[in-house]
Amino acid sequence: WGRLKRALNAGIAFRLVAKNRPERTEAEELIFKEQLQQEVDQFRTFLQSISIAWQEYMNLDAPPSDLSRASSSVGGGMSPLNVPSSPGMWVRPKRTPFQVKAIATGICQIYPNLHRDIQVGLIDIDTLTALCPCPWPPHPADGSTAACQIVEKVQPPGKKGVAAEGVGEAAGAGPPQRHTRKDRAVCAFKMRVVGGGDNVTLRIWANGKTQASGCKDRAMLVEANKCIADVIKYIMSLPPNGTTRPLMHAGQPPPEQMTERVRVLSAPMLGSWDLNLKGVGGKLDMGKLCEYLSEPKFAYQVVKVQHVAAKGNSARFNNISLYIRKECLKLWSQENNEQQTVYVNVYEAGKCSVLAVPDIGVAEELADVVSDMLFDAFEQDGIGIAARPAQAAAGKRKRGKG
């Protein structure tokens, strides 16, 4: 089924390329055609092997129950890693679904429909820092927990805010340091979001853009930004106090321009999946796997392969780093040209982790592409090796003298 799926995908990709051909060198075009021919040949061989296996099955005298027991047994000198030539004797493990661990760094825009001055931005950061109450929102009177709450105002490293300026003036250090462009002024808040976001940090710039870390998923990212949007609206409703500048540089905006509170600009996900190689008692030889994936037939999908352990890292982190071409993922929009590759870590036990994918659909497609390559590699001689059982901890313990 894996070969069938890859052959169909290759045919679809070939038609798309023929219709809207990207710019490639002659060498890259030759590699792509060779890879396509290999996929077609594998598909043809796969169908022929199914026909041969079925004929052999029909000519056997043993009842189906005996055949089933024989195919699932690892006795008789057959290792579970010695992949037989008959497809009926080998079933690829099924990888686990992609599991989202966290949002890497979420970028959002607060009140995207409001006018922004290129020099001073949207909001006055000093006023926001001075008037933002903590905690916000206040603790509910009924004792319930707020969906999101600002718990602390913090100073980003290397930035000067209201608190720092007050200290400098009190110490006689002269006039406070000002930003050359006020739209680049920034402040930060520690937040607590229901659902596991106990250590969320959100930075907000004068132009209304935010950067949040510590969010477990996209919903948590949106909730944190809604919280900061609500506190901005609350500060706008306060009467002038005569000591701070107005919060909005352009004055009070029309209500219809504040209906959209948050717009997500970027929410790359961190996550992982597993090939389930333990189910067949095997693991990957990382050195040979690195050589295999560096072959020209993978050039359309793989930009670079790096064996991390070869650089002197501990064997505990024996893994390879794969740089996958973004253009081989059909669900990933090609409009954003800033990111051309996606970085994937592959570990010898079959676990794979990825650092930044835009959504779960692209993540699952990436997992399919990488898993198909790794399963193909696992079936090669010398790459899929038997996993040694872990020794008991008691056997490794050394007794001290005396």
Protein backbone atom coordinates (compact mmCIF):
# COMPACT_ATOMS: atom_id res chain seq x y z
CA TRP A 1 0.00 0.00 0.00
CA GLY A 2 2.89 2.35 0.74
CA ARG A 3 4.32 1.81 -2.75
CA LEU A 4 0.89 2.24 -4.32
CA LYS A 5 0.37 5.54 -2.49
CA ARG A 6 3.82 6.85 -3.45
CA ALA A 7 3.26 5.90 -7.09
CA LEU A 8 -0.09 7.71 -7.18
CA ASN A 9 1.40 10.77 -5.47
CA ALA A 10 4.27 10.77 -7.95
CA GLY A 11 1.82 10.67 -10.86
CA ILE A 12 -0.22 13.55 -9.42
CA ALA A 13 2.94 15.55 -8.79
CA PHE A 14 4.13 14.89 -12.36
CA ARG A 15 0.88 16.25 -13.82
CA LEU A 16 1.02 19.33 -11.58
CA VAL A 17 4.63 19.99 -12.54
CA ALA A 18 3.81 19.54 -16.22
CA LYS A 19 1.04 22.13 -15.89
CA ASN A 20 2.97 24.66 -13.80
CA ARG A 21 6.62 23.70 -14.06
CA PRO A 22 8.92 25.32 -11.46
CA GLU A 23 12.37 26.51 -12.48
CA ARG A 24 14.85 23.65 -12.12
CA THR A 25 18.24 22.92 -13.52
CA GLU A 26 18.79 20.11 -16.00
CA ALA A 27 20.41 18.00 -13.28
CA GLU A 28 17.42 18.45 -10.96
CA GLU A 29 15.03 17.66 -13.81
CA LEU A 30 16.94 14.47 -14.58
CA ILE A 31 16.86 13.42 -10.92
CA PHE A 32 13.11 14.03 -10.76
CA LYS A 33 12.46 11.92 -13.87
CA GLU A 34 14.66 9.11 -12.58
CA GLN A 35 12.80 9.14 -9.26
CA LEU A 36 9.45 9.02 -11.05
CA GLN A 37 10.63 6.07 -13.16
CA GLN A 38 11.75 4.26 -10.00
CA GLU A 39 8.34 4.79 -8.43
CA VAL A 40 6.62 3.37 -11.51
CA ASP A 41 8.97 0.36 -11.58
CA GLN A 42 8.38 -0.30 -7.89
CA PHE A 43 4.63 -0.10 -8.45
CA ARG A 44 4.84 -2.58 -11.33
CA THR A 45 6.99 -4.98 -9.27
CA PHE A 46 4.64 -4.63 -6.33
CA LEU A 47 1.60 -5.66 -8.38
CA GLN A 48 3.51 -8.60 -9.87
CA SER A 49 4.58 -9.78 -6.41
CA ILE A 50 0.94 -9.70 -5.24
CA SER A 51 -0.07 -11.91 -8.17
CA ILE A 52 2.78 -14.38 -7.48
CA ALA A 53 2.03 -14.47 -3.75
CA TRP A 54 -1.65 -15.19 -4.41
CA GLN A 55 -0.83 -18.05 -6.77
CA GLU A 56 1.54 -19.56 -4.20
CA TYR A 57 -1.11 -19.22 -1.53
CA MET A 58 -3.74 -20.99 -3.64
CA ASN A 59 -1.31 -23.89 -4.35
CA LEU A 60 -0.54 -24.51 -0.69
CA ASP A 61 -2.06 -27.61 0.92
CA ALA A 62 -1.87 -26.21 4.46
CA PRO A 63 -5.13 -24.79 5.88
CA PRO A 64 -5.36 -20.98 6.21
CA SER A 65 -5.02 -21.14 10.02
CA ASP A 66 -1.63 -22.90 9.71
CA LEU A 67 -0.49 -20.35 7.11
CA SER A 68 -1.51 -17.50 9.37
CA ARG A 69 0.45 -18.96 12.28
CA ALA A 70 3.46 -19.56 10.03
CA SER A 71 3.46 -16.00 8.68
CA SER A 72 3.18 -14.43 12.15
CA SER A 73 5.82 -16.66 13.72
CA VAL A 74 9.40 -15.52 14.08
CA GLY A 75 10.69 -19.02 14.73
CA GLY A 76 12.34 -21.38 12.28
CA GLY A 77 15.42 -19.18 12.06
CA MET A 78 13.55 -16.19 10.55
CA SER A 79 14.36 -12.85 12.14
CA PRO A 80 11.52 -10.31 12.20
CA LEU A 81 13.93 -7.95 10.41
CA ASN A 82 14.72 -10.32 7.52
CA VAL A 83 12.03 -9.01 5.20
CA PRO A 84 10.88 -11.95 3.00
CA SER A 85 10.47 -11.51 -0.75
CA SER A 86 6.77 -12.38 -0.52
CA PRO A 87 4.67 -9.40 0.58
CA GLY A 88 2.31 -11.71 2.45
CA MET A 89 5.02 -12.39 5.03
CA TRP A 90 5.83 -8.73 5.85
CA VAL A 91 3.46 -6.00 6.99
CA ARG A 92 4.83 -2.54 7.56
CA PRO A 93 4.16 -1.12 11.01
CA LYS A 94 1.62 1.68 11.15
CA ARG A 95 3.00 4.99 12.30
CA THR A 96 1.30 6.89 15.07
CA PRO A 97 -0.66 10.08 14.27
CA PHE A 98 1.16 13.39 14.52
CA GLN A 99 1.03 14.66 18.09
CA VAL A 100 1.23 18.41 18.68
CA LYS A 101 3.51 19.24 21.61
CA ALA A 102 3.34 23.03 21.56
CA ILE A 103 3.22 26.16 19.44
CA ALA A 104 6.80 27.21 18.69
CA THR A 105 6.37 31.01 18.70
CA GLY A 106 2.97 32.39 17.78
CA ILE A 107 2.78 35.73 15.94
CA CYS A 108 -0.52 37.64 16.04
CA GLN A 109 -1.90 41.10 15.31
CA ILE A 110 -4.09 42.85 17.87
CA TYR A 111 -7.02 44.81 16.36
CA PRO A 112 -5.78 44.36 12.77
CA ASN A 113 -8.33 46.81 11.30
CA LEU A 114 -7.01 49.84 13.19
CA HIS A 115 -4.78 52.46 11.56
CA ARG A 116 -1.06 52.27 12.40
CA ASP A 117 1.38 55.13 12.11
CA ILE A 118 4.71 53.97 10.70
CA GLN A 119 6.68 56.07 13.20
CA VAL A 120 4.76 55.72 16.48
CA GLY A 121 2.72 52.58 15.81
CA LEU A 122 -0.72 51.85 17.28
CA ILE A 123 -0.43 52.00 21.08
CA ASP A 124 1.75 53.74 23.64
CA ILE A 125 3.78 50.97 25.29
CA ASP A 126 4.65 53.04 28.39
CA THR A 127 0.97 53.75 29.02
CA LEU A 128 0.05 50.10 28.53
CA THR A 129 2.75 49.01 30.99
CA ALA A 130 1.76 51.62 33.59
CA LEU A 131 -2.02 51.12 33.50
CA CYS A 132 -2.32 47.36 32.95
CA PRO A 133 -3.66 45.90 36.22
CA CYS A 134 -2.23 42.64 37.57
CA PRO A 135 -3.82 40.21 37.79
CA TRP A 136 -6.06 40.81 34.80
CA PRO A 137 -8.87 40.02 34.70
CA PRO A 138 -9.36 40.15 38.49
CA HIS A 139 -10.11 36.89 40.26
CA PRO A 140 -13.81 36.03 39.81
CA ALA A 141 -15.93 36.61 42.92
CA ASP A 142 -17.41 33.10 42.69
CA GLY A 143 -13.95 31.52 43.01
CA SER A 144 -13.86 30.16 39.46
CA THR A 145 -10.77 30.27 37.25
CA ALA A 146 -10.45 32.73 34.37
CA ALA A 147 -9.72 31.21 30.96
CA CYS A 148 -6.64 33.43 30.69
CA GLN A 149 -5.09 35.81 33.21
CA ILE A 150 -2.17 38.25 33.15
CA VAL A 151 -0.19 37.52 36.31
CA GLU A 152 2.95 39.65 35.94
CA LYS A 153 4.49 42.51 33.93
CA VAL A 154 8.09 41.78 32.92
CA GLN A 155 10.83 43.75 31.15
CA PRO A 156 12.16 42.15 27.95
CA PRO A 157 15.98 41.83 27.97
CA GLY A 158 17.72 44.98 26.80
CA LYS A 159 14.54 47.09 26.72
CA LYS A 160 13.82 50.28 28.66
CA GLY A 161 10.30 50.77 30.00
CA VAL A 162 8.48 52.88 32.57
CA ALA A 163 9.99 51.06 35.55
CA ALA A 164 13.55 51.29 34.24
CA GLU A 165 13.16 54.97 33.37
CA GLY A 166 11.90 55.76 36.86
CA VAL A 167 14.93 54.10 38.43
CA GLY A 168 17.30 56.02 36.14
CA GLU A 169 15.75 59.39 36.98
CA ALA A 170 15.79 58.69 40.73
CA ALA A 171 19.48 57.82 40.58
CA GLY A 172 20.30 61.04 38.73
CA ALA A 173 21.38 59.22 35.61
CA GLY A 174 20.10 61.94 33.33
CA PRO A 175 17.21 61.80 30.86
CA PRO A 176 15.65 58.38 30.15
CA GLN A 177 16.75 56.44 27.07
CA ARG A 178 14.23 56.65 24.24
CA HIS A 179 13.69 54.38 21.26
CA THR A 180 14.76 55.77 17.90
CA ARG A 181 11.44 54.49 16.53
CA LYS A 182 8.54 54.26 18.94
CA ASP A 183 6.74 51.62 16.87
CA ARG A 184 9.52 49.22 17.96
CA ALA A 185 8.90 49.75 21.67
CA VAL A 186 7.89 46.53 23.42
CA CYS A 187 6.67 45.22 26.75
CA ALA A 188 6.00 41.69 27.99
CA PHE A 189 3.52 39.91 30.24
CA LYS A 190 3.49 36.58 32.03
CA MET A 191 0.17 34.77 31.61
CA ARG A 192 -1.62 31.70 32.87
CA VAL A 193 -3.98 29.98 30.41
CA VAL A 194 -6.36 27.18 31.29
CA GLY A 195 -5.35 23.87 29.72
CA GLY A 196 -1.69 23.67 30.71
CA GLY A 197 -0.41 27.13 29.79
CA ASP A 198 1.19 27.88 33.14
CA ASN A 199 4.23 29.63 31.70
CA VAL A 200 3.02 31.71 28.75
CA THR A 201 5.00 34.85 27.90
CA LEU A 202 3.49 37.39 25.51
CA ARG A 203 5.37 40.34 24.06
CA ILE A 204 3.51 43.19 22.41
CA TRP A 205 4.99 45.91 20.23
CA ALA A 206 3.68 49.43 19.68
CA ASN A 207 2.40 48.42 16.22
CA GLY A 208 0.07 45.87 17.83
CA LYS A 209 1.95 42.74 16.85
CA THR A 210 2.49 40.10 19.51
CA GLN A 211 4.85 37.18 20.01
CA ALA A 212 3.78 34.43 22.41
CA SER A 213 5.71 31.42 23.69
CA GLY A 214 4.62 28.57 25.97
CA CYS A 215 1.25 27.92 24.26
CA LYS A 216 0.28 24.27 23.88
CA ASP A 217 -1.94 24.78 20.83
CA ARG A 218 -3.48 27.39 18.54
CA ALA A 219 -6.55 27.88 20.75
CA MET A 220 -4.31 28.75 23.71
CA LEU A 221 -2.41 31.24 21.53
CA VAL A 222 -5.66 32.97 20.53
CA GLU A 223 -6.89 33.03 24.14
CA ALA A 224 -3.70 34.74 25.34
CA ASN A 225 -3.99 37.41 22.64
CA LYS A 226 -7.67 37.98 23.39
CA CYS A 227 -6.69 38.65 26.98
CA ILE A 228 -4.22 41.40 26.00
CA ALA A 229 -6.78 42.84 23.55
CA ASP A 230 -9.35 43.02 26.36
CA VAL A 231 -6.98 44.83 28.71
CA ILE A 232 -6.22 47.36 25.93
CA LYS A 233 -9.96 47.98 25.53
CA TYR A 234 -10.31 48.34 29.31
CA ILE A 235 -7.49 50.94 29.50
CA MET A 236 -9.12 52.87 26.63
CA SER A 237 -12.29 53.17 28.71
CA LEU A 238 -10.48 54.78 31.68
CA PRO A 239 -10.79 58.56 32.13
CA PRO A 240 -7.64 60.65 31.54
CA ASN A 241 -5.43 60.83 34.64
CA GLY A 242 -3.13 63.65 33.57
CA THR A 243 0.07 61.64 34.21
CA THR A 244 0.17 59.22 31.28
CA ARG A 245 -0.16 59.76 27.55
CA PRO A 246 -3.25 58.46 25.69
CA LEU A 247 -3.02 54.73 24.96
CA MET A 248 -4.00 55.00 21.27
CA HIS A 249 -1.81 57.30 19.19
CA ALA A 250 -4.56 57.92 16.63
CA GLY A 251 -7.24 58.64 19.22
CA GLN A 252 -10.42 56.73 19.99
CA PRO A 253 -11.15 54.40 17.03
CA PRO A 254 -14.64 53.69 15.67
CA PRO A 255 -16.29 50.66 17.35
CA GLU A 256 -16.70 48.82 14.03
CA GLN A 257 -12.91 48.74 13.60
CA MET A 258 -12.50 46.86 16.88
CA THR A 259 -14.79 43.93 16.19
CA GLU A 260 -11.86 41.71 15.14
CA ARG A 261 -9.67 41.45 18.22
CA VAL A 262 -7.01 38.96 17.11
CA ARG A 263 -5.61 37.78 13.78
CA VAL A 264 -3.16 34.90 13.81
CA LEU A 265 -0.24 35.57 11.46
CA SER A 266 1.91 32.54 12.25
CA ALA A 267 1.49 29.57 14.60
CA PRO A 268 4.13 26.93 13.74
CA MET A 269 3.67 23.67 15.62
CA LEU A 270 6.15 21.43 17.41
CA GLY A 271 5.28 17.75 17.36
CA SER A 272 6.32 14.17 16.77
CA TRP A 273 5.22 10.74 15.58
CA ASP A 274 6.57 7.19 15.88
CA LEU A 275 7.21 4.51 13.23
CA ASN A 276 6.46 1.74 15.76
CA LEU A 277 9.62 -0.18 14.87
CA LYS A 278 9.59 -1.72 18.34
CA GLY A 279 6.60 -3.75 17.22
CA VAL A 280 8.87 -5.69 14.83
CA GLY A 281 11.80 -5.74 17.24
CA GLY A 282 14.03 -3.44 15.23
CA LYS A 283 15.70 -0.08 14.99
CA LEU A 284 17.59 1.93 12.38
CA ASP A 285 21.32 1.93 11.73
CA MET A 286 21.79 5.69 11.65
CA GLY A 287 25.11 5.72 9.78
CA LYS A 288 23.82 3.56 6.91
CA LEU A 289 20.50 5.39 6.93
CA CYS A 290 22.32 8.69 6.46
CA GLU A 291 24.19 7.28 3.45
CA TYR A 292 20.99 5.81 1.97
CA LEU A 293 18.98 9.04 2.22
CA SER A 294 21.89 10.99 0.72
CA GLU A 295 21.51 9.12 -2.58
CA PRO A 296 20.43 11.15 -5.66
CA LYS A 297 17.01 9.47 -5.85
CA PHE A 298 15.91 11.40 -2.76
CA ALA A 299 17.20 14.77 -4.01
CA TYR A 300 13.68 15.96 -4.91
CA GLN A 301 12.57 15.56 -1.28
CA VAL A 302 15.73 15.83 0.84
CA VAL A 303 18.00 18.88 0.80
CA LYS A 304 20.50 17.67 3.37
CA VAL A 305 21.05 14.73 5.73
CA GLN A 306 23.23 15.08 8.79
CA HIS A 307 24.27 12.34 11.21
CA VAL A 308 24.29 14.19 14.52
CA ALA A 309 26.11 11.52 16.53
CA ALA A 310 28.99 11.72 14.08
CA LYS A 311 29.70 15.23 15.36
CA GLY A 312 30.62 13.95 18.81
CA ASN A 313 27.23 14.14 20.54
CA SER A 314 26.33 11.53 23.11
CA ALA A 315 25.11 8.20 21.72
CA ARG A 316 21.98 8.79 23.80
CA PHE A 317 20.93 11.30 21.16
CA ASN A 318 21.99 9.17 18.17
CA ASN A 319 19.86 10.64 15.41
CA ILE A 320 19.95 12.12 11.95
CA SER A 321 18.68 15.52 10.88
CA LEU A 322 16.63 15.70 7.69
CA TYR A 323 16.00 18.92 5.79
CA ILE A 324 12.88 18.26 3.69
CA ARG A 325 12.02 20.45 0.69
CA LYS A 326 8.88 22.47 1.27
CA GLU A 327 7.91 22.17 -2.42
CA CYS A 328 7.35 18.40 -2.13
CA LEU A 329 4.51 19.01 0.36
CA LYS A 330 1.37 19.78 -1.64
CA LEU A 331 -0.67 21.07 1.32
CA TRP A 332 1.94 23.65 2.33
CA SER A 333 1.21 27.00 0.69
CA GLN A 334 4.04 28.07 -1.59
CA GLU A 335 3.21 31.77 -1.20
CA ASN A 336 5.52 32.29 1.77
CA ASN A 337 9.05 31.95 0.40
CA GLU A 338 10.86 32.66 3.68
CA GLN A 339 10.93 29.01 4.75
CA GLN A 340 12.15 26.66 2.02
CA THR A 341 12.83 23.57 4.14
CA VAL A 342 11.40 21.87 7.21
CA TYR A 343 13.70 20.34 9.81
CA VAL A 344 12.99 16.77 11.02
CA ASN A 345 14.89 14.77 13.66
CA VAL A 346 14.87 10.97 13.20
CA TYR A 347 15.95 8.71 16.07
CA GLU A 348 17.15 5.13 15.80
CA ALA A 349 14.11 3.70 17.62
CA GLY A 350 11.82 5.20 14.95
CA LYS A 351 10.63 8.38 16.68
CA CYS A 352 10.53 11.51 14.53
CA SER A 353 10.12 15.10 15.66
CA VAL A 354 9.57 18.29 13.69
CA LEU A 355 10.18 21.88 14.75
CA ALA A 356 7.87 24.08 12.68
CA VAL A 357 4.86 23.16 10.51
CA PRO A 358 1.94 25.53 9.88
CA ASP A 359 -1.00 23.18 10.56
CA ILE A 360 -1.97 19.59 11.30
CA GLY A 361 -2.71 18.78 7.63
CA VAL A 362 0.81 19.67 6.54
CA ALA A 363 2.17 17.83 9.58
CA GLU A 364 0.41 14.60 8.61
CA GLU A 365 1.55 14.93 4.98
CA LEU A 366 5.13 15.50 6.15
CA ALA A 367 4.88 12.46 8.43
CA ASP A 368 3.70 10.34 5.46
CA VAL A 369 6.56 11.51 3.21
CA VAL A 370 9.27 10.94 5.82
CA SER A 371 7.78 7.65 7.07
CA ASP A 372 7.63 6.20 3.54
CA MET A 373 11.33 6.99 3.04
CA LEU A 374 12.25 5.49 6.41
CA PHE A 375 10.19 2.33 5.89
CA ASP A 376 11.87 1.86 2.49
CA ALA A 377 15.23 2.29 4.19
CA PHE A 378 14.27 -0.11 6.98
CA GLU A 379 13.68 -2.83 4.39
CA GLN A 380 17.18 -2.43 2.96
CA ASP A 381 19.97 -4.80 3.96
CA GLY A 382 21.86 -3.53 6.98
CA ILE A 383 19.69 -0.49 7.76
CA GLY A 384 16.95 -2.25 9.69
CA ILE A 385 18.78 -3.99 12.55
CA ALA A 386 17.63 -5.94 15.59
CA ALA A 387 17.10 -3.87 18.73
CA ARG A 388 18.99 -5.28 21.69
CA PRO A 389 16.91 -5.61 24.85
CA ALA A 390 17.87 -3.09 27.51
CA GLN A 391 19.97 -4.50 30.31
CA ALA A 392 18.60 -4.40 33.80
CA ALA A 393 19.79 -1.52 35.90
CA ALA A 394 20.89 -3.88 38.65
CA GLY A 395 23.32 -5.57 36.30
CA LYS A 396 25.12 -2.30 35.60
CA ARG A 397 25.42 -1.20 39.22
CA LYS A 398 28.91 -1.36 40.64
CA ARG A 399 29.53 -2.14 44.26
CA GLY A 400 31.82 0.11 46.21
CA LYS A 401 34.75 -1.22 48.20
CA GLY A 402 34.39 -1.96 51.85
